[in-house]
Amino acid sequence: MLIRLVKMQFNADFVEEFQENFKALQPQITAFKGCSSVQLLKDKNTENQIFFTISHWEDEADLEAYRCSPLFRETWARLKPNFSTKAEAWSLLAP
């Protein structure tokens, strides 16, 4: 299993829209082959501007198929102009 952790920091005026969009997108992401779950978390020490997604994938090929999908590309195109800092991402394996 592959765990994908993505840190995103948004401009304050986009936060509410992002959270609403994520609620709609979460079931679509989870429906992708190899994705068992995706969760949204926010940093407790900021003004709701730093978020993390944690997704669980069967393997890297499934994650890459999602990253090449129209859903991901369209979503990322909407998010990217609203980042206040560059997003960071890690692919993790349990030891």
PDB file of N, CA and C in Angstrom:
ATOM      1  N   MET A   1       0.840  -1.185   0.000  1.00  0.00           N
ATOM      2  CA  MET A   1       0.000   0.000   0.000  1.00  0.00           C
ATOM      3  C   MET A   1       0.877   1.238   0.000  1.00  0.00           C
ATOM      4  N   LEU A   2       0.437   2.234  -0.755  1.00  0.00           N
ATOM      5  CA  LEU A   2       1.117   3.511  -0.859  1.00  0.00           C
ATOM      6  C   LEU A   2       0.235   4.576  -0.217  1.00  0.00           C
ATOM      7  N   ILE A   3       0.817   5.404   0.612  1.00  0.00           N
ATOM      8  CA  ILE A   3       0.088   6.501   1.237  1.00  0.00           C
ATOM      9  C   ILE A   3       0.627   7.798   0.654  1.00  0.00           C
ATOM     10  N   ARG A   4      -0.274   8.621   0.177  1.00  0.00           N
ATOM     11  CA  ARG A   4       0.113   9.899  -0.431  1.00  0.00           C
ATOM     12  C   ARG A   4      -0.333  11.025   0.489  1.00  0.00           C
ATOM     13  N   LEU A   5       0.621  11.854   0.884  1.00  0.00           N
ATOM     14  CA  LEU A   5       0.373  12.996   1.757  1.00  0.00           C
ATOM     15  C   LEU A   5       0.673  14.261   0.955  1.00  0.00           C
ATOM     16  N   VAL A   6      -0.309  15.155   0.873  1.00  0.00           N
ATOM     17  CA  VAL A   6      -0.139  16.403   0.133  1.00  0.00           C
ATOM     18  C   VAL A   6      -0.481  17.559   1.056  1.00  0.00           C
ATOM     19  N   LYS A   7       0.450  18.515   1.148  1.00  0.00           N
ATOM     20  CA  LYS A   7       0.251  19.721   1.964  1.00  0.00           C
ATOM     21  C   LYS A   7      -0.044  20.878   1.024  1.00  0.00           C
ATOM     22  N   MET A   8      -1.138  21.588   1.301  1.00  0.00           N
ATOM     23  CA  MET A   8      -1.552  22.715   0.471  1.00  0.00           C
ATOM     24  C   MET A   8      -1.882  23.902   1.363  1.00  0.00           C
ATOM     25  N   GLN A   9      -1.398  25.059   0.979  1.00  0.00           N
ATOM     26  CA  GLN A   9      -1.727  26.289   1.696  1.00  0.00           C
ATOM     27  C   GLN A   9      -2.383  27.240   0.709  1.00  0.00           C
ATOM     28  N   PHE A  10      -3.590  27.696   1.054  1.00  0.00           N
ATOM     29  CA  PHE A  10      -4.395  28.498   0.143  1.00  0.00           C
ATOM     30  C   PHE A  10      -4.492  29.952   0.581  1.00  0.00           C
ATOM     31  N   ASN A  11      -4.800  30.797  -0.390  1.00  0.00           N
ATOM     32  CA  ASN A  11      -5.173  32.170  -0.087  1.00  0.00           C
ATOM     33  C   ASN A  11      -6.462  32.120   0.730  1.00  0.00           C
ATOM     34  N   ALA A  12      -6.583  33.012   1.686  1.00  0.00           N
ATOM     35  CA  ALA A  12      -7.715  32.984   2.625  1.00  0.00           C
ATOM     36  C   ALA A  12      -9.067  33.033   1.925  1.00  0.00           C
ATOM     37  N   ASP A  13      -9.170  33.771   0.839  1.00  0.00           N
ATOM     38  CA  ASP A  13     -10.473  33.910   0.180  1.00  0.00           C
ATOM     39  C   ASP A  13     -10.897  32.676  -0.614  1.00  0.00           C
ATOM     40  N   PHE A  14     -10.035  31.662  -0.703  1.00  0.00           N
ATOM     41  CA  PHE A  14     -10.358  30.447  -1.447  1.00  0.00           C
ATOM     42  C   PHE A  14     -10.686  29.259  -0.537  1.00  0.00           C
ATOM     43  N   VAL A  15     -10.432  29.384   0.743  1.00  0.00           N
ATOM     44  CA  VAL A  15     -10.548  28.260   1.677  1.00  0.00           C
ATOM     45  C   VAL A  15     -11.944  27.641   1.675  1.00  0.00           C
ATOM     46  N   GLU A  16     -12.971  28.436   1.784  1.00  0.00           N
ATOM     47  CA  GLU A  16     -14.338  27.897   1.837  1.00  0.00           C
ATOM     48  C   GLU A  16     -14.677  27.151   0.543  1.00  0.00           C
ATOM     49  N   GLU A  17     -14.329  27.733  -0.590  1.00  0.00           N
ATOM     50  CA  GLU A  17     -14.590  27.087  -1.879  1.00  0.00           C
ATOM     51  C   GLU A  17     -13.836  25.752  -1.976  1.00  0.00           C
ATOM     52  N   PHE A  18     -12.597  25.740  -1.516  1.00  0.00           N
ATOM     53  CA  PHE A  18     -11.814  24.500  -1.547  1.00  0.00           C
ATOM     54  C   PHE A  18     -12.491  23.402  -0.731  1.00  0.00           C
ATOM     55  N   GLN A  19     -12.920  23.735   0.478  1.00  0.00           N
ATOM     56  CA  GLN A  19     -13.549  22.734   1.339  1.00  0.00           C
ATOM     57  C   GLN A  19     -14.835  22.197   0.710  1.00  0.00           C
ATOM     58  N   GLU A  20     -15.623  23.061   0.100  1.00  0.00           N
ATOM     59  CA  GLU A  20     -16.851  22.619  -0.561  1.00  0.00           C
ATOM     60  C   GLU A  20     -16.526  21.714  -1.751  1.00  0.00           C
ATOM     61  N   ASN A  21     -15.526  22.113  -2.538  1.00  0.00           N
ATOM     62  CA  ASN A  21     -15.122  21.298  -3.688  1.00  0.00           C
ATOM     63  C   ASN A  21     -14.622  19.930  -3.246  1.00  0.00           C
ATOM     64  N   PHE A  22     -13.862  19.884  -2.169  1.00  0.00           N
ATOM     65  CA  PHE A  22     -13.325  18.607  -1.714  1.00  0.00           C
ATOM     66  C   PHE A  22     -14.449  17.642  -1.345  1.00  0.00           C
ATOM     67  N   LYS A  23     -15.482  18.139  -0.684  1.00  0.00           N
ATOM     68  CA  LYS A  23     -16.619  17.280  -0.320  1.00  0.00           C
ATOM     69  C   LYS A  23     -17.226  16.620  -1.557  1.00  0.00           C
ATOM     70  N   ALA A  24     -17.312  17.372  -2.647  1.00  0.00           N
ATOM     71  CA  ALA A  24     -17.879  16.825  -3.881  1.00  0.00           C
ATOM     72  C   ALA A  24     -16.907  15.870  -4.572  1.00  0.00           C
ATOM     73  N   LEU A  25     -15.625  16.149  -4.483  1.00  0.00           N
ATOM     74  CA  LEU A  25     -14.619  15.347  -5.174  1.00  0.00           C
ATOM     75  C   LEU A  25     -14.220  14.074  -4.430  1.00  0.00           C
ATOM     76  N   GLN A  26     -14.339  14.077  -3.123  1.00  0.00           N
ATOM     77  CA  GLN A  26     -13.873  12.936  -2.316  1.00  0.00           C
ATOM     78  C   GLN A  26     -14.425  11.595  -2.815  1.00  0.00           C
ATOM     79  N   PRO A  27     -15.740  11.455  -3.049  1.00  0.00           N
ATOM     80  CA  PRO A  27     -16.230  10.162  -3.534  1.00  0.00           C
ATOM     81  C   PRO A  27     -15.709   9.811  -4.926  1.00  0.00           C
ATOM     82  N   GLN A  28     -15.484  10.813  -5.759  1.00  0.00           N
ATOM     83  CA  GLN A  28     -14.956  10.552  -7.101  1.00  0.00           C
ATOM     84  C   GLN A  28     -13.514  10.052  -7.039  1.00  0.00           C
ATOM     85  N   ILE A  29     -12.732  10.615  -6.143  1.00  0.00           N
ATOM     86  CA  ILE A  29     -11.339  10.175  -5.988  1.00  0.00           C
ATOM     87  C   ILE A  29     -11.311   8.758  -5.428  1.00  0.00           C
ATOM     88  N   THR A  30     -12.109   8.512  -4.412  1.00  0.00           N
ATOM     89  CA  THR A  30     -12.141   7.189  -3.788  1.00  0.00           C
ATOM     90  C   THR A  30     -12.625   6.124  -4.769  1.00  0.00           C
ATOM     91  N   ALA A  31     -13.395   6.529  -5.770  1.00  0.00           N
ATOM     92  CA  ALA A  31     -13.898   5.575  -6.760  1.00  0.00           C
ATOM     93  C   ALA A  31     -12.826   5.148  -7.768  1.00  0.00           C
ATOM     94  N   PHE A  32     -11.700   5.849  -7.785  1.00  0.00           N
ATOM     95  CA  PHE A  32     -10.640   5.469  -8.709  1.00  0.00           C
ATOM     96  C   PHE A  32     -10.076   4.113  -8.343  1.00  0.00           C
ATOM     97  N   LYS A  33      -9.716   3.338  -9.376  1.00  0.00           N
ATOM     98  CA  LYS A  33      -9.104   2.020  -9.178  1.00  0.00           C
ATOM     99  C   LYS A  33      -7.886   2.159  -8.266  1.00  0.00           C
ATOM    100  N   GLY A  34      -7.874   1.355  -7.222  1.00  0.00           N
ATOM    101  CA  GLY A  34      -6.728   1.310  -6.319  1.00  0.00           C
ATOM    102  C   GLY A  34      -6.782   2.275  -5.153  1.00  0.00           C
ATOM    103  N   CYS A  35      -7.744   3.190  -5.119  1.00  0.00           N
ATOM    104  CA  CYS A  35      -7.843   4.139  -4.011  1.00  0.00           C
ATOM    105  C   CYS A  35      -8.819   3.598  -2.974  1.00  0.00           C
ATOM    106  N   SER A  36      -8.339   3.385  -1.765  1.00  0.00           N
ATOM    107  CA  SER A  36      -9.223   2.883  -0.721  1.00  0.00           C
ATOM    108  C   SER A  36      -9.787   3.998   0.159  1.00  0.00           C
ATOM    109  N   SER A  37      -9.110   5.153   0.187  1.00  0.00           N
ATOM    110  CA  SER A  37      -9.641   6.271   0.968  1.00  0.00           C
ATOM    111  C   SER A  37      -8.867   7.552   0.661  1.00  0.00           C
ATOM    112  N   VAL A  38      -9.534   8.668   0.892  1.00  0.00           N
ATOM    113  CA  VAL A  38      -8.886   9.981   0.830  1.00  0.00           C
ATOM    114  C   VAL A  38      -9.531  10.835   1.910  1.00  0.00           C
ATOM    115  N   GLN A  39      -8.682  11.517   2.649  1.00  0.00           N
ATOM    116  CA  GLN A  39      -9.145  12.277   3.806  1.00  0.00           C
ATOM    117  C   GLN A  39      -8.560  13.682   3.736  1.00  0.00           C
ATOM    118  N   LEU A  40      -9.313  14.666   4.185  1.00  0.00           N
ATOM    119  CA  LEU A  40      -8.857  16.047   4.262  1.00  0.00           C
ATOM    120  C   LEU A  40      -8.685  16.432   5.724  1.00  0.00           C
ATOM    121  N   LEU A  41      -7.544  16.997   6.032  1.00  0.00           N
ATOM    122  CA  LEU A  41      -7.254  17.486   7.383  1.00  0.00           C
ATOM    123  C   LEU A  41      -6.761  18.920   7.273  1.00  0.00           C
ATOM    124  N   LYS A  42      -6.971  19.704   8.338  1.00  0.00           N
ATOM    125  CA  LYS A  42      -6.446  21.066   8.347  1.00  0.00           C
ATOM    126  C   LYS A  42      -5.566  21.270   9.568  1.00  0.00           C
ATOM    127  N   ASP A  43      -4.598  22.138   9.401  1.00  0.00           N
ATOM    128  CA  ASP A  43      -3.676  22.445  10.485  1.00  0.00           C
ATOM    129  C   ASP A  43      -4.408  23.203  11.585  1.00  0.00           C
ATOM    130  N   LYS A  44      -4.247  22.771  12.819  1.00  0.00           N
ATOM    131  CA  LYS A  44      -4.979  23.397  13.922  1.00  0.00           C
ATOM    132  C   LYS A  44      -4.383  24.737  14.351  1.00  0.00           C
ATOM    133  N   ASN A  45      -3.176  25.039  13.890  1.00  0.00           N
ATOM    134  CA  ASN A  45      -2.498  26.249  14.347  1.00  0.00           C
ATOM    135  C   ASN A  45      -2.537  27.400  13.351  1.00  0.00           C
ATOM    136  N   THR A  46      -3.288  27.258  12.272  1.00  0.00           N
ATOM    137  CA  THR A  46      -3.384  28.354  11.299  1.00  0.00           C
ATOM    138  C   THR A  46      -4.844  28.738  11.130  1.00  0.00           C
ATOM    139  N   GLU A  47      -5.047  29.794  10.407  1.00  0.00           N
ATOM    140  CA  GLU A  47      -6.399  30.303  10.166  1.00  0.00           C
ATOM    141  C   GLU A  47      -7.088  29.509   9.053  1.00  0.00           C
ATOM    142  N   ASN A  48      -7.101  28.200   9.167  1.00  0.00           N
ATOM    143  CA  ASN A  48      -7.767  27.325   8.194  1.00  0.00           C
ATOM    144  C   ASN A  48      -7.179  27.431   6.792  1.00  0.00           C
ATOM    145  N   GLN A  49      -5.924  27.799   6.670  1.00  0.00           N
ATOM    146  CA  GLN A  49      -5.348  27.971   5.343  1.00  0.00           C
ATOM    147  C   GLN A  49      -4.414  26.838   4.945  1.00  0.00           C
ATOM    148  N   ILE A  50      -3.977  26.008   5.878  1.00  0.00           N
ATOM    149  CA  ILE A  50      -3.097  24.885   5.557  1.00  0.00           C
ATOM    150  C   ILE A  50      -3.896  23.591   5.684  1.00  0.00           C
ATOM    151  N   PHE A  51      -3.908  22.833   4.596  1.00  0.00           N
ATOM    152  CA  PHE A  51      -4.644  21.577   4.533  1.00  0.00           C
ATOM    153  C   PHE A  51      -3.717  20.449   4.099  1.00  0.00           C
ATOM    154  N   PHE A  52      -4.096  19.253   4.495  1.00  0.00           N
ATOM    155  CA  PHE A  52      -3.392  18.046   4.074  1.00  0.00           C
ATOM    156  C   PHE A  52      -4.427  17.070   3.535  1.00  0.00           C
ATOM    157  N   THR A  53      -4.080  16.400   2.459  1.00  0.00           N
ATOM    158  CA  THR A  53      -4.871  15.253   2.036  1.00  0.00           C
ATOM    159  C   THR A  53      -4.014  14.019   2.271  1.00  0.00           C
ATOM    160  N   ILE A  54      -4.660  12.977   2.742  1.00  0.00           N
ATOM    161  CA  ILE A  54      -4.013  11.681   2.923  1.00  0.00           C
ATOM    162  C   ILE A  54      -4.844  10.683   2.132  1.00  0.00           C
ATOM    163  N   SER A  55      -4.210  10.069   1.150  1.00  0.00           N
ATOM    164  CA  SER A  55      -4.914   9.077   0.347  1.00  0.00           C
ATOM    165  C   SER A  55      -4.157   7.762   0.379  1.00  0.00           C
ATOM    166  N   HIS A  56      -4.903   6.686   0.302  1.00  0.00           N
ATOM    167  CA  HIS A  56      -4.341   5.331   0.355  1.00  0.00           C
ATOM    168  C   HIS A  56      -4.567   4.668  -0.999  1.00  0.00           C
ATOM    169  N   TRP A  57      -3.479   4.177  -1.585  1.00  0.00           N
ATOM    170  CA  TRP A  57      -3.509   3.593  -2.916  1.00  0.00           C
ATOM    171  C   TRP A  57      -2.940   2.188  -2.880  1.00  0.00           C
ATOM    172  N   GLU A  58      -3.481   1.342  -3.729  1.00  0.00           N
ATOM    173  CA  GLU A  58      -2.997  -0.040  -3.822  1.00  0.00           C
ATOM    174  C   GLU A  58      -1.527  -0.062  -4.221  1.00  0.00           C
ATOM    175  N   ASP A  59      -1.174   0.770  -5.206  1.00  0.00           N
ATOM    176  CA  ASP A  59       0.231   0.840  -5.630  1.00  0.00           C
ATOM    177  C   ASP A  59       0.464   2.150  -6.391  1.00  0.00           C
ATOM    178  N   GLU A  60       1.710   2.384  -6.754  1.00  0.00           N
ATOM    179  CA  GLU A  60       2.083   3.630  -7.414  1.00  0.00           C
ATOM    180  C   GLU A  60       1.431   3.769  -8.796  1.00  0.00           C
ATOM    181  N   ALA A  61       1.222   2.661  -9.491  1.00  0.00           N
ATOM    182  CA  ALA A  61       0.598   2.719 -10.808  1.00  0.00           C
ATOM    183  C   ALA A  61      -0.824   3.271 -10.720  1.00  0.00           C
ATOM    184  N   ASP A  62      -1.558   2.886  -9.687  1.00  0.00           N
ATOM    185  CA  ASP A  62      -2.921   3.404  -9.512  1.00  0.00           C
ATOM    186  C   ASP A  62      -2.898   4.900  -9.206  1.00  0.00           C
ATOM    187  N   LEU A  63      -1.982   5.323  -8.357  1.00  0.00           N
ATOM    188  CA  LEU A  63      -1.846   6.753  -8.057  1.00  0.00           C
ATOM    189  C   LEU A  63      -1.486   7.519  -9.321  1.00  0.00           C
ATOM    190  N   GLU A  64      -0.566   6.994 -10.097  1.00  0.00           N
ATOM    191  CA  GLU A  64      -0.150   7.680 -11.319  1.00  0.00           C
ATOM    192  C   GLU A  64      -1.289   7.750 -12.329  1.00  0.00           C
ATOM    193  N   ALA A  65      -2.102   6.706 -12.418  1.00  0.00           N
ATOM    194  CA  ALA A  65      -3.263   6.731 -13.319  1.00  0.00           C
ATOM    195  C   ALA A  65      -4.224   7.847 -12.902  1.00  0.00           C
ATOM    196  N   TYR A  66      -4.430   8.011 -11.602  1.00  0.00           N
ATOM    197  CA  TYR A  66      -5.277   9.102 -11.107  1.00  0.00           C
ATOM    198  C   TYR A  66      -4.656  10.451 -11.452  1.00  0.00           C
ATOM    199  N   ARG A  67      -3.349  10.592 -11.239  1.00  0.00           N
ATOM    200  CA  ARG A  67      -2.670  11.864 -11.495  1.00  0.00           C
ATOM    201  C   ARG A  67      -2.696  12.242 -12.980  1.00  0.00           C
ATOM    202  N   CYS A  68      -2.867  11.274 -13.856  1.00  0.00           N
ATOM    203  CA  CYS A  68      -2.958  11.525 -15.301  1.00  0.00           C
ATOM    204  C   CYS A  68      -4.402  11.690 -15.779  1.00  0.00           C
ATOM    205  N   SER A  69      -5.349  11.555 -14.875  1.00  0.00           N
ATOM    206  CA  SER A  69      -6.767  11.597 -15.243  1.00  0.00           C
ATOM    207  C   SER A  69      -7.253  13.032 -15.471  1.00  0.00           C
ATOM    208  N   PRO A  70      -8.306  13.183 -16.268  1.00  0.00           N
ATOM    209  CA  PRO A  70      -8.916  14.506 -16.437  1.00  0.00           C
ATOM    210  C   PRO A  70      -9.397  15.097 -15.109  1.00  0.00           C
ATOM    211  N   LEU A  71      -9.931  14.265 -14.215  1.00  0.00           N
ATOM    212  CA  LEU A  71     -10.400  14.766 -12.917  1.00  0.00           C
ATOM    213  C   LEU A  71      -9.269  15.455 -12.168  1.00  0.00           C
ATOM    214  N   PHE A  72      -8.112  14.798 -12.086  1.00  0.00           N
ATOM    215  CA  PHE A  72      -6.987  15.392 -11.366  1.00  0.00           C
ATOM    216  C   PHE A  72      -6.508  16.659 -12.069  1.00  0.00           C
ATOM    217  N   ARG A  73      -6.330  16.593 -13.381  1.00  0.00           N
ATOM    218  CA  ARG A  73      -5.788  17.748 -14.109  1.00  0.00           C
ATOM    219  C   ARG A  73      -6.706  18.964 -14.004  1.00  0.00           C
ATOM    220  N   GLU A  74      -8.015  18.742 -14.118  1.00  0.00           N
ATOM    221  CA  GLU A  74      -8.966  19.854 -14.016  1.00  0.00           C
ATOM    222  C   GLU A  74      -8.996  20.419 -12.597  1.00  0.00           C
ATOM    223  N   THR A  75      -8.974  19.538 -11.615  1.00  0.00           N
ATOM    224  CA  THR A  75      -8.992  19.982 -10.226  1.00  0.00           C
ATOM    225  C   THR A  75      -7.733  20.767  -9.902  1.00  0.00           C
ATOM    226  N   TRP A  76      -6.584  20.229 -10.299  1.00  0.00           N
ATOM    227  CA  TRP A  76      -5.309  20.894  -9.997  1.00  0.00           C
ATOM    228  C   TRP A  76      -5.239  22.253 -10.676  1.00  0.00           C
ATOM    229  N   ALA A  77      -5.787  22.356 -11.879  1.00  0.00           N
ATOM    230  CA  ALA A  77      -5.797  23.633 -12.597  1.00  0.00           C
ATOM    231  C   ALA A  77      -6.607  24.694 -11.848  1.00  0.00           C
ATOM    232  N   ARG A  78      -7.680  24.265 -11.168  1.00  0.00           N
ATOM    233  CA  ARG A  78      -8.483  25.209 -10.361  1.00  0.00           C
ATOM    234  C   ARG A  78      -7.784  25.569  -9.060  1.00  0.00           C
ATOM    235  N   LEU A  79      -7.062  24.601  -8.469  1.00  0.00           N
ATOM    236  CA  LEU A  79      -6.422  24.841  -7.174  1.00  0.00           C
ATOM    237  C   LEU A  79      -5.162  25.701  -7.289  1.00  0.00           C
ATOM    238  N   LYS A  80      -4.337  25.383  -8.256  1.00  0.00           N
ATOM    239  CA  LYS A  80      -2.994  25.960  -8.336  1.00  0.00           C
ATOM    240  C   LYS A  80      -2.951  27.492  -8.254  1.00  0.00           C
ATOM    241  N   PRO A  81      -3.821  28.230  -8.938  1.00  0.00           N
ATOM    242  CA  PRO A  81      -3.758  29.695  -8.832  1.00  0.00           C
ATOM    243  C   PRO A  81      -4.115  30.218  -7.438  1.00  0.00           C
ATOM    244  N   ASN A  82      -4.684  29.380  -6.596  1.00  0.00           N
ATOM    245  CA  ASN A  82      -5.127  29.804  -5.272  1.00  0.00           C
ATOM    246  C   ASN A  82      -4.179  29.401  -4.147  1.00  0.00           C
ATOM    247  N   PHE A  83      -3.060  28.781  -4.486  1.00  0.00           N
ATOM    248  CA  PHE A  83      -2.060  28.436  -3.472  1.00  0.00           C
ATOM    249  C   PHE A  83      -1.342  29.698  -3.024  1.00  0.00           C
ATOM    250  N   SER A  84      -1.125  29.821  -1.730  1.00  0.00           N
ATOM    251  CA  SER A  84      -0.311  30.931  -1.231  1.00  0.00           C
ATOM    252  C   SER A  84       1.160  30.520  -1.147  1.00  0.00           C
ATOM    253  N   THR A  85       1.424  29.219  -1.113  1.00  0.00           N
ATOM    254  CA  THR A  85       2.774  28.674  -1.225  1.00  0.00           C
ATOM    255  C   THR A  85       2.686  27.409  -2.072  1.00  0.00           C
ATOM    256  N   LYS A  86       3.812  26.979  -2.594  1.00  0.00           N
ATOM    257  CA  LYS A  86       3.844  25.790  -3.434  1.00  0.00           C
ATOM    258  C   LYS A  86       3.407  24.559  -2.635  1.00  0.00           C
ATOM    259  N   ALA A  87       2.562  23.732  -3.245  1.00  0.00           N
ATOM    260  CA  ALA A  87       2.126  22.492  -2.592  1.00  0.00           C
ATOM    261  C   ALA A  87       3.321  21.542  -2.453  1.00  0.00           C
ATOM    262  N   GLU A  88       3.256  20.712  -1.421  1.00  0.00           N
ATOM    263  CA  GLU A  88       4.284  19.705  -1.183  1.00  0.00           C
ATOM    264  C   GLU A  88       3.599  18.343  -1.121  1.00  0.00           C
ATOM    265  N   ALA A  89       4.296  17.306  -1.606  1.00  0.00           N
ATOM    266  CA  ALA A  89       3.694  15.970  -1.619  1.00  0.00           C
ATOM    267  C   ALA A  89       4.745  14.920  -1.301  1.00  0.00           C
ATOM    268  N   TRP A  90       4.294  13.881  -0.599  1.00  0.00           N
ATOM    269  CA  TRP A  90       5.144  12.755  -0.247  1.00  0.00           C
ATOM    270  C   TRP A  90       4.399  11.461  -0.533  1.00  0.00           C
ATOM    271  N   SER A  91       5.103  10.484  -1.043  1.00  0.00           N
ATOM    272  CA  SER A  91       4.574   9.124  -1.179  1.00  0.00           C
ATOM    273  C   SER A  91       5.253   8.289  -0.101  1.00  0.00           C
ATOM    274  N   LEU A  92       4.453   7.655   0.729  1.00  0.00           N
ATOM    275  CA  LEU A  92       4.973   6.969   1.914  1.00  0.00           C
ATOM    276  C   LEU A  92       4.624   5.497   1.917  1.00  0.00           C
ATOM    277  N   LEU A  93       5.500   4.709   2.486  1.00  0.00           N
ATOM    278  CA  LEU A  93       5.276   3.271   2.693  1.00  0.00           C
ATOM    279  C   LEU A  93       5.408   2.979   4.174  1.00  0.00           C
ATOM    280  N   ALA A  94       4.602   2.056   4.668  1.00  0.00           N
ATOM    281  CA  ALA A  94       4.751   1.627   6.056  1.00  0.00           C
ATOM    282  C   ALA A  94       6.023   0.795   6.156  1.00  0.00           C
ATOM    283  N   PRO A  95       6.816   0.983   7.207  1.00  0.00           N
ATOM    284  CA  PRO A  95       8.061   0.210   7.340  1.00  0.00           C
ATOM    285  C   PRO A  95       7.808  -1.266   7.567  1.00  0.00           C
TER     286      PRO A  95
END
